[in-house]
Amino acid sequence: MMNITPTVKQLLIINIIFFIGSQVVGRPAYDLLSLYFFENDKFQVWQPLTHMFMHAALPNFMHILFNMFALYSFGSALEHFWGGKKFLFFYISCGLGAALLHTGINYYEFNSGLQTLTEAGFLKSDIYSLLTDGKIDTRWVEVLGQSGLDSFASGFATPAVGASGAIYGLLVAFAFMFPNAELALMFIPIPIKAKYFVPGILAVDLFLGLKGGSIFGSTSGIAHFAHIGGALTGFLMMWYWKKNQFNRNRWN
């Protein structure tokens, strides 16, 4: 098993500090550092960065456990070949890409619901006022349906947390670098080559996300698009770097 590399070690420590600190501080920490929809009063400009160091509160310990195990397993291998600076740039970029796509999907879902409600006669100012107070009008379900209302309200009010988007970027990079490396999940003990494993896990996670579940981390609503955003960012970066012989260049 590969020894933990310096940058991965530092990221693990930062995530653990954030996790312990958020459990001690409680809700104020989550309100300040989680990623909120940009029209929500709780949104802050630093949240696209800080949200990737936050994880679900106890008793949900599996969220941070899965993410940190994946960071150690895949991150150390990548940092070994890239160096710390290039690895950190890639990791943060994938996390920001995850936040961008997640926010974009939220924007589409929220504004689609908002337009439907205003066309049905509800005042936009009243809608925002209720959502800001953490409330909904029960009549909205008659217009949007239950699933539509859930997506509409959660897109505005539910924050995103977790390193999963960045982790999915690492998975894609690992498949680029080591396509024939054999991987296995705990509940699928049969080794599968990374070039098949990673696309498969992405497809399964997207399917489960649409059904309200997830492979890495506990999410709800449309937060699974953060995973896809991280993976897509990782794919585009690896594609560009491969064209420019990324495997021959270290940044430190």
C-alpha atoms as a PDB file:
ATOM      1  CA  MET A   1       0.000   0.000   0.000  1.00  0.00           C
ATOM      2  CA  MET A   2       1.370   3.424  -0.988  1.00  0.00           C
ATOM      3  CA  ASN A   3       2.450   5.732   1.831  1.00  0.00           C
ATOM      4  CA  ILE A   4       0.354   8.845   2.335  1.00  0.00           C
ATOM      5  CA  THR A   5       1.763  11.838   0.460  1.00  0.00           C
ATOM      6  CA  PRO A   6       2.275  15.289   2.049  1.00  0.00           C
ATOM      7  CA  THR A   7      -0.543  17.261   0.385  1.00  0.00           C
ATOM      8  CA  VAL A   8      -3.054  14.452   0.838  1.00  0.00           C
ATOM      9  CA  LYS A   9      -2.042  14.269   4.500  1.00  0.00           C
ATOM     10  CA  GLN A  10      -2.612  18.006   4.907  1.00  0.00           C
ATOM     11  CA  LEU A  11      -6.017  17.788   3.196  1.00  0.00           C
ATOM     12  CA  LEU A  12      -7.020  14.942   5.491  1.00  0.00           C
ATOM     13  CA  ILE A  13      -6.016  16.970   8.544  1.00  0.00           C
ATOM     14  CA  ILE A  14      -7.919  20.048   7.313  1.00  0.00           C
ATOM     15  CA  ASN A  15     -11.058  17.986   6.646  1.00  0.00           C
ATOM     16  CA  ILE A  16     -10.871  16.366  10.065  1.00  0.00           C
ATOM     17  CA  ILE A  17     -10.371  19.753  11.765  1.00  0.00           C
ATOM     18  CA  PHE A  18     -13.365  21.159   9.887  1.00  0.00           C
ATOM     19  CA  PHE A  19     -15.442  18.119  10.817  1.00  0.00           C
ATOM     20  CA  ILE A  20     -14.604  18.203  14.517  1.00  0.00           C
ATOM     21  CA  GLY A  21     -14.988  21.972  14.648  1.00  0.00           C
ATOM     22  CA  SER A  22     -18.377  21.890  12.947  1.00  0.00           C
ATOM     23  CA  GLN A  23     -19.622  19.287  15.421  1.00  0.00           C
ATOM     24  CA  VAL A  24     -18.518  21.509  18.321  1.00  0.00           C
ATOM     25  CA  VAL A  25     -19.844  24.788  16.902  1.00  0.00           C
ATOM     26  CA  GLY A  26     -22.942  23.219  15.384  1.00  0.00           C
ATOM     27  CA  ARG A  27     -25.403  24.979  13.090  1.00  0.00           C
ATOM     28  CA  PRO A  28     -23.550  28.336  12.870  1.00  0.00           C
ATOM     29  CA  ALA A  29     -20.562  26.569  11.291  1.00  0.00           C
ATOM     30  CA  TYR A  30     -22.766  24.862   8.704  1.00  0.00           C
ATOM     31  CA  ASP A  31     -24.596  28.112   7.956  1.00  0.00           C
ATOM     32  CA  LEU A  32     -21.313  29.928   7.396  1.00  0.00           C
ATOM     33  CA  LEU A  33     -19.247  27.326   5.509  1.00  0.00           C
ATOM     34  CA  SER A  34     -21.701  25.121   3.578  1.00  0.00           C
ATOM     35  CA  LEU A  35     -22.623  25.989  -0.009  1.00  0.00           C
ATOM     36  CA  TYR A  36     -25.974  27.773  -0.188  1.00  0.00           C
ATOM     37  CA  PHE A  37     -27.877  28.845  -3.296  1.00  0.00           C
ATOM     38  CA  PHE A  38     -26.560  32.279  -4.314  1.00  0.00           C
ATOM     39  CA  GLU A  39     -29.995  33.919  -3.911  1.00  0.00           C
ATOM     40  CA  ASN A  40     -30.240  32.660  -0.344  1.00  0.00           C
ATOM     41  CA  ASP A  41     -29.321  35.213   2.337  1.00  0.00           C
ATOM     42  CA  LYS A  42     -26.915  32.668   3.847  1.00  0.00           C
ATOM     43  CA  PHE A  43     -24.757  32.497   0.732  1.00  0.00           C
ATOM     44  CA  GLN A  44     -21.197  33.808   1.085  1.00  0.00           C
ATOM     45  CA  VAL A  45     -18.537  34.140  -1.606  1.00  0.00           C
ATOM     46  CA  TRP A  46     -16.157  31.721   0.147  1.00  0.00           C
ATOM     47  CA  GLN A  47     -18.656  28.858   0.306  1.00  0.00           C
ATOM     48  CA  PRO A  48     -17.771  27.293  -3.097  1.00  0.00           C
ATOM     49  CA  LEU A  49     -14.355  26.620  -1.541  1.00  0.00           C
ATOM     50  CA  THR A  50     -15.182  25.908   2.098  1.00  0.00           C
ATOM     51  CA  HIS A  51     -18.073  23.536   1.397  1.00  0.00           C
ATOM     52  CA  MET A  52     -15.654  20.882   0.138  1.00  0.00           C
ATOM     53  CA  PHE A  53     -14.112  20.664   3.607  1.00  0.00           C
ATOM     54  CA  MET A  54     -17.458  20.290   5.363  1.00  0.00           C
ATOM     55  CA  HIS A  55     -19.268  16.976   5.846  1.00  0.00           C
ATOM     56  CA  ALA A  56     -22.578  15.724   7.156  1.00  0.00           C
ATOM     57  CA  ALA A  57     -23.055  16.058  10.902  1.00  0.00           C
ATOM     58  CA  LEU A  58     -23.002  13.149  13.306  1.00  0.00           C
ATOM     59  CA  PRO A  59     -24.340  10.505  13.525  1.00  0.00           C
ATOM     60  CA  ASN A  60     -23.683  10.336   9.762  1.00  0.00           C
ATOM     61  CA  PHE A  61     -20.020   9.370  10.039  1.00  0.00           C
ATOM     62  CA  MET A  62     -19.908   7.445   6.755  1.00  0.00           C
ATOM     63  CA  HIS A  63     -19.949  10.628   4.645  1.00  0.00           C
ATOM     64  CA  ILE A  64     -16.538  11.844   5.768  1.00  0.00           C
ATOM     65  CA  LEU A  65     -15.208   8.298   6.147  1.00  0.00           C
ATOM     66  CA  PHE A  66     -15.879   7.347   2.516  1.00  0.00           C
ATOM     67  CA  ASN A  67     -14.538  10.651   1.196  1.00  0.00           C
ATOM     68  CA  MET A  68     -11.341  10.595   3.242  1.00  0.00           C
ATOM     69  CA  PHE A  69     -10.680   6.945   2.408  1.00  0.00           C
ATOM     70  CA  ALA A  70     -11.045   7.770  -1.298  1.00  0.00           C
ATOM     71  CA  LEU A  71      -8.823  10.847  -0.923  1.00  0.00           C
ATOM     72  CA  TYR A  72      -6.103   8.725   0.649  1.00  0.00           C
ATOM     73  CA  SER A  73      -6.480   5.817  -1.788  1.00  0.00           C
ATOM     74  CA  PHE A  74      -6.537   7.759  -5.059  1.00  0.00           C
ATOM     75  CA  GLY A  75      -4.973  11.060  -4.053  1.00  0.00           C
ATOM     76  CA  SER A  76      -1.681   9.636  -2.828  1.00  0.00           C
ATOM     77  CA  ALA A  77      -1.118   7.778  -6.095  1.00  0.00           C
ATOM     78  CA  LEU A  78      -1.777  10.916  -8.137  1.00  0.00           C
ATOM     79  CA  GLU A  79       0.311  13.230  -5.968  1.00  0.00           C
ATOM     80  CA  HIS A  80       3.199  10.765  -6.164  1.00  0.00           C
ATOM     81  CA  PHE A  81       3.365  11.295  -9.937  1.00  0.00           C
ATOM     82  CA  TRP A  82       2.286  14.937 -10.183  1.00  0.00           C
ATOM     83  CA  GLY A  83       3.774  16.578  -7.155  1.00  0.00           C
ATOM     84  CA  GLY A  84       1.912  18.466  -4.458  1.00  0.00           C
ATOM     85  CA  LYS A  85       1.182  21.769  -6.225  1.00  0.00           C
ATOM     86  CA  LYS A  86      -0.266  20.199  -9.349  1.00  0.00           C
ATOM     87  CA  PHE A  87      -2.307  17.739  -7.311  1.00  0.00           C
ATOM     88  CA  LEU A  88      -3.735  20.490  -5.083  1.00  0.00           C
ATOM     89  CA  PHE A  89      -4.596  22.621  -8.130  1.00  0.00           C
ATOM     90  CA  PHE A  90      -6.445  19.680  -9.671  1.00  0.00           C
ATOM     91  CA  TYR A  91      -8.258  18.784  -6.439  1.00  0.00           C
ATOM     92  CA  ILE A  92      -9.485  22.321  -5.741  1.00  0.00           C
ATOM     93  CA  SER A  93     -10.458  22.842  -9.383  1.00  0.00           C
ATOM     94  CA  CYS A  94     -12.638  19.717  -9.339  1.00  0.00           C
ATOM     95  CA  GLY A  95     -14.278  20.865  -6.109  1.00  0.00           C
ATOM     96  CA  LEU A  96     -15.055  24.253  -7.631  1.00  0.00           C
ATOM     97  CA  GLY A  97     -16.349  22.595 -10.795  1.00  0.00           C
ATOM     98  CA  ALA A  98     -18.652  20.497  -8.647  1.00  0.00           C
ATOM     99  CA  ALA A  99     -19.985  23.632  -6.936  1.00  0.00           C
ATOM    100  CA  LEU A 100     -20.510  25.337 -10.285  1.00  0.00           C
ATOM    101  CA  LEU A 101     -22.591  22.557 -11.842  1.00  0.00           C
ATOM    102  CA  HIS A 102     -24.529  21.984  -8.615  1.00  0.00           C
ATOM    103  CA  THR A 103     -25.379  25.686  -8.456  1.00  0.00           C
ATOM    104  CA  GLY A 104     -26.291  25.769 -12.136  1.00  0.00           C
ATOM    105  CA  ILE A 105     -28.733  22.869 -11.758  1.00  0.00           C
ATOM    106  CA  ASN A 106     -30.193  24.479  -8.641  1.00  0.00           C
ATOM    107  CA  TYR A 107     -30.661  27.717 -10.560  1.00  0.00           C
ATOM    108  CA  TYR A 108     -32.527  25.925 -13.341  1.00  0.00           C
ATOM    109  CA  GLU A 109     -34.717  23.922 -10.949  1.00  0.00           C
ATOM    110  CA  PHE A 110     -35.509  26.910  -8.741  1.00  0.00           C
ATOM    111  CA  ASN A 111     -36.304  29.349 -11.512  1.00  0.00           C
ATOM    112  CA  SER A 112     -38.434  26.799 -13.354  1.00  0.00           C
ATOM    113  CA  GLY A 113     -40.494  26.340 -10.198  1.00  0.00           C
ATOM    114  CA  LEU A 114     -40.573  30.078  -9.543  1.00  0.00           C
ATOM    115  CA  GLN A 115     -41.874  30.808 -13.022  1.00  0.00           C
ATOM    116  CA  THR A 116     -44.561  28.126 -12.703  1.00  0.00           C
ATOM    117  CA  LEU A 117     -45.721  29.534  -9.370  1.00  0.00           C
ATOM    118  CA  THR A 118     -45.832  33.147 -10.576  1.00  0.00           C
ATOM    119  CA  GLU A 119     -47.775  32.097 -13.661  1.00  0.00           C
ATOM    120  CA  ALA A 120     -50.227  30.416 -11.296  1.00  0.00           C
ATOM    121  CA  GLY A 121     -50.788  33.745  -9.540  1.00  0.00           C
ATOM    122  CA  PHE A 122     -48.381  33.620  -6.599  1.00  0.00           C
ATOM    123  CA  LEU A 123     -46.369  36.782  -5.940  1.00  0.00           C
ATOM    124  CA  LYS A 124     -42.627  36.468  -6.329  1.00  0.00           C
ATOM    125  CA  SER A 125     -41.985  38.617  -3.246  1.00  0.00           C
ATOM    126  CA  ASP A 126     -44.200  36.350  -1.120  1.00  0.00           C
ATOM    127  CA  ILE A 127     -42.429  33.252  -2.414  1.00  0.00           C
ATOM    128  CA  TYR A 128     -38.995  34.610  -1.531  1.00  0.00           C
ATOM    129  CA  SER A 129     -40.221  35.795   1.860  1.00  0.00           C
ATOM    130  CA  LEU A 130     -41.555  32.369   2.799  1.00  0.00           C
ATOM    131  CA  LEU A 131     -38.482  30.508   1.577  1.00  0.00           C
ATOM    132  CA  THR A 132     -36.168  32.890   3.409  1.00  0.00           C
ATOM    133  CA  ASP A 133     -38.094  32.141   6.613  1.00  0.00           C
ATOM    134  CA  GLY A 134     -37.730  28.418   5.964  1.00  0.00           C
ATOM    135  CA  LYS A 135     -41.412  27.985   5.108  1.00  0.00           C
ATOM    136  CA  ILE A 136     -43.520  26.957   2.120  1.00  0.00           C
ATOM    137  CA  ASP A 137     -47.098  27.565   1.033  1.00  0.00           C
ATOM    138  CA  THR A 138     -48.934  24.235   1.072  1.00  0.00           C
ATOM    139  CA  ARG A 139     -50.808  25.326  -2.044  1.00  0.00           C
ATOM    140  CA  TRP A 140     -47.551  25.140  -4.028  1.00  0.00           C
ATOM    141  CA  VAL A 141     -47.775  21.352  -4.141  1.00  0.00           C
ATOM    142  CA  GLU A 142     -50.953  21.638  -6.197  1.00  0.00           C
ATOM    143  CA  VAL A 143     -49.001  23.552  -8.847  1.00  0.00           C
ATOM    144  CA  LEU A 144     -45.592  21.887  -8.744  1.00  0.00           C
ATOM    145  CA  GLY A 145     -46.399  18.397  -7.514  1.00  0.00           C
ATOM    146  CA  GLN A 146     -44.587  16.891  -4.548  1.00  0.00           C
ATOM    147  CA  SER A 147     -41.324  16.071  -6.328  1.00  0.00           C
ATOM    148  CA  GLY A 148     -41.288  19.457  -8.057  1.00  0.00           C
ATOM    149  CA  LEU A 149     -41.884  21.235  -4.767  1.00  0.00           C
ATOM    150  CA  ASP A 150     -39.111  19.245  -3.102  1.00  0.00           C
ATOM    151  CA  SER A 151     -36.632  20.219  -5.825  1.00  0.00           C
ATOM    152  CA  PHE A 152     -37.777  23.843  -5.784  1.00  0.00           C
ATOM    153  CA  ALA A 153     -37.596  24.323  -2.015  1.00  0.00           C
ATOM    154  CA  SER A 154     -34.451  22.261  -1.404  1.00  0.00           C
ATOM    155  CA  GLY A 155     -32.605  24.021  -4.222  1.00  0.00           C
ATOM    156  CA  PHE A 156     -33.091  27.310  -2.394  1.00  0.00           C
ATOM    157  CA  ALA A 157     -32.762  26.236   1.215  1.00  0.00           C
ATOM    158  CA  THR A 158     -30.625  23.073   1.400  1.00  0.00           C
ATOM    159  CA  PRO A 159     -26.847  23.617   1.512  1.00  0.00           C
ATOM    160  CA  ALA A 160     -24.276  21.312  -0.097  1.00  0.00           C
ATOM    161  CA  VAL A 161     -21.359  19.893   1.871  1.00  0.00           C
ATOM    162  CA  GLY A 162     -18.601  17.429   1.219  1.00  0.00           C
ATOM    163  CA  ALA A 163     -15.454  16.660  -0.751  1.00  0.00           C
ATOM    164  CA  SER A 164     -17.321  14.281  -3.061  1.00  0.00           C
ATOM    165  CA  GLY A 165     -17.065  16.517  -6.123  1.00  0.00           C
ATOM    166  CA  ALA A 166     -13.286  16.755  -5.783  1.00  0.00           C
ATOM    167  CA  ILE A 167     -13.117  13.013  -5.058  1.00  0.00           C
ATOM    168  CA  TYR A 168     -14.938  12.201  -8.275  1.00  0.00           C
ATOM    169  CA  GLY A 169     -12.362  14.283 -10.109  1.00  0.00           C
ATOM    170  CA  LEU A 170      -9.650  12.132  -8.523  1.00  0.00           C
ATOM    171  CA  LEU A 171     -11.446   8.984  -9.649  1.00  0.00           C
ATOM    172  CA  VAL A 172     -11.473  10.207 -13.244  1.00  0.00           C
ATOM    173  CA  ALA A 173      -7.797  11.190 -13.062  1.00  0.00           C
ATOM    174  CA  PHE A 174      -6.881   7.796 -11.627  1.00  0.00           C
ATOM    175  CA  ALA A 175      -8.669   6.060 -14.506  1.00  0.00           C
ATOM    176  CA  PHE A 176      -6.697   8.234 -16.964  1.00  0.00           C
ATOM    177  CA  MET A 177      -3.373   7.532 -15.272  1.00  0.00           C
ATOM    178  CA  PHE A 178      -3.883   3.880 -14.395  1.00  0.00           C
ATOM    179  CA  PRO A 179      -6.638   2.521 -16.678  1.00  0.00           C
ATOM    180  CA  ASN A 180      -5.748  -1.121 -16.095  1.00  0.00           C
ATOM    181  CA  ALA A 181      -5.421  -0.902 -12.300  1.00  0.00           C
ATOM    182  CA  GLU A 182      -7.943  -3.248 -10.714  1.00  0.00           C
ATOM    183  CA  LEU A 183     -10.363  -1.759  -8.198  1.00  0.00           C
ATOM    184  CA  ALA A 184     -13.150  -3.225  -6.103  1.00  0.00           C
ATOM    185  CA  LEU A 185     -15.871  -1.987  -3.763  1.00  0.00           C
ATOM    186  CA  MET A 186     -16.560  -3.598  -0.411  1.00  0.00           C
ATOM    187  CA  PHE A 187     -19.901  -4.911  -1.649  1.00  0.00           C
ATOM    188  CA  ILE A 188     -18.499  -5.884  -5.088  1.00  0.00           C
ATOM    189  CA  PRO A 189     -15.403  -7.985  -4.260  1.00  0.00           C
ATOM    190  CA  ILE A 190     -14.640  -8.741  -7.924  1.00  0.00           C
ATOM    191  CA  PRO A 191     -11.725  -6.581  -9.184  1.00  0.00           C
ATOM    192  CA  ILE A 192     -12.616  -4.335 -12.142  1.00  0.00           C
ATOM    193  CA  LYS A 193     -10.191  -2.314 -14.235  1.00  0.00           C
ATOM    194  CA  ALA A 194     -10.294   1.413 -13.489  1.00  0.00           C
ATOM    195  CA  LYS A 195     -11.229   2.307 -17.072  1.00  0.00           C
ATOM    196  CA  TYR A 196     -14.473   0.354 -16.578  1.00  0.00           C
ATOM    197  CA  PHE A 197     -14.896   0.841 -12.839  1.00  0.00           C
ATOM    198  CA  VAL A 198     -14.935   4.653 -12.826  1.00  0.00           C
ATOM    199  CA  PRO A 199     -17.481   5.163 -15.649  1.00  0.00           C
ATOM    200  CA  GLY A 200     -19.597   2.450 -14.042  1.00  0.00           C
ATOM    201  CA  ILE A 201     -19.514   4.038 -10.600  1.00  0.00           C
ATOM    202  CA  LEU A 202     -20.411   7.402 -12.132  1.00  0.00           C
ATOM    203  CA  ALA A 203     -23.385   5.899 -13.935  1.00  0.00           C
ATOM    204  CA  VAL A 204     -24.569   4.082 -10.810  1.00  0.00           C
ATOM    205  CA  ASP A 205     -24.142   7.162  -8.634  1.00  0.00           C
ATOM    206  CA  LEU A 206     -26.074   9.311 -11.092  1.00  0.00           C
ATOM    207  CA  PHE A 207     -28.878   6.760 -11.190  1.00  0.00           C
ATOM    208  CA  LEU A 208     -29.007   6.523  -7.397  1.00  0.00           C
ATOM    209  CA  GLY A 209     -28.797  10.298  -7.153  1.00  0.00           C
ATOM    210  CA  LEU A 210     -31.850  10.673  -9.349  1.00  0.00           C
ATOM    211  CA  LYS A 211     -33.579   8.229  -7.027  1.00  0.00           C
ATOM    212  CA  GLY A 212     -32.413  10.106  -3.926  1.00  0.00           C
ATOM    213  CA  GLY A 213     -29.318   8.081  -3.018  1.00  0.00           C
ATOM    214  CA  SER A 214     -25.553   8.214  -3.538  1.00  0.00           C
ATOM    215  CA  ILE A 215     -22.437   6.068  -3.599  1.00  0.00           C
ATOM    216  CA  PHE A 216     -19.994   8.453  -1.914  1.00  0.00           C
ATOM    217  CA  GLY A 217     -21.633  10.520   0.764  1.00  0.00           C
ATOM    218  CA  SER A 218     -25.158  11.149   1.854  1.00  0.00           C
ATOM    219  CA  THR A 219     -27.003  13.605  -0.335  1.00  0.00           C
ATOM    220  CA  SER A 220     -30.541  14.481  -1.213  1.00  0.00           C
ATOM    221  CA  GLY A 221     -32.361  16.330  -3.963  1.00  0.00           C
ATOM    222  CA  ILE A 222     -30.051  17.161  -6.874  1.00  0.00           C
ATOM    223  CA  ALA A 223     -26.709  17.321  -5.042  1.00  0.00           C
ATOM    224  CA  HIS A 224     -25.515  14.338  -7.098  1.00  0.00           C
ATOM    225  CA  PHE A 225     -24.823  16.816  -9.907  1.00  0.00           C
ATOM    226  CA  ALA A 226     -21.945  18.090  -7.789  1.00  0.00           C
ATOM    227  CA  HIS A 227     -20.365  14.655  -8.264  1.00  0.00           C
ATOM    228  CA  ILE A 228     -20.888  14.860 -12.004  1.00  0.00           C
ATOM    229  CA  GLY A 229     -19.490  18.399 -12.029  1.00  0.00           C
ATOM    230  CA  GLY A 230     -16.326  17.266 -10.261  1.00  0.00           C
ATOM    231  CA  ALA A 231     -15.941  14.303 -12.603  1.00  0.00           C
ATOM    232  CA  LEU A 232     -16.528  16.452 -15.683  1.00  0.00           C
ATOM    233  CA  THR A 233     -13.993  19.032 -14.535  1.00  0.00           C
ATOM    234  CA  GLY A 234     -11.492  16.272 -13.867  1.00  0.00           C
ATOM    235  CA  PHE A 235     -12.114  14.754 -17.287  1.00  0.00           C
ATOM    236  CA  LEU A 236     -11.616  18.054 -19.114  1.00  0.00           C
ATOM    237  CA  MET A 237      -8.413  18.813 -17.202  1.00  0.00           C
ATOM    238  CA  MET A 238      -7.005  15.343 -17.790  1.00  0.00           C
ATOM    239  CA  TRP A 239      -7.912  15.483 -21.460  1.00  0.00           C
ATOM    240  CA  TYR A 240      -6.093  18.802 -21.816  1.00  0.00           C
ATOM    241  CA  TRP A 241      -3.087  17.676 -19.796  1.00  0.00           C
ATOM    242  CA  LYS A 242      -2.851  14.416 -21.721  1.00  0.00           C
ATOM    243  CA  LYS A 243      -2.647  16.353 -24.966  1.00  0.00           C
ATOM    244  CA  ASN A 244       0.219  18.299 -23.408  1.00  0.00           C
ATOM    245  CA  GLN A 245       1.967  15.278 -21.878  1.00  0.00           C
ATOM    246  CA  PHE A 246       0.805  15.895 -18.301  1.00  0.00           C
ATOM    247  CA  ASN A 247       2.580  12.744 -17.095  1.00  0.00           C
ATOM    248  CA  ARG A 248       5.982  14.278 -17.845  1.00  0.00           C
ATOM    249  CA  ASN A 249       5.565  17.451 -15.859  1.00  0.00           C
ATOM    250  CA  ARG A 250       5.690  18.071 -12.134  1.00  0.00           C
ATOM    251  CA  TRP A 251       5.037  21.481 -10.641  1.00  0.00           C
ATOM    252  CA  ASN A 252       7.424  21.104  -7.709  1.00  0.00           C
END
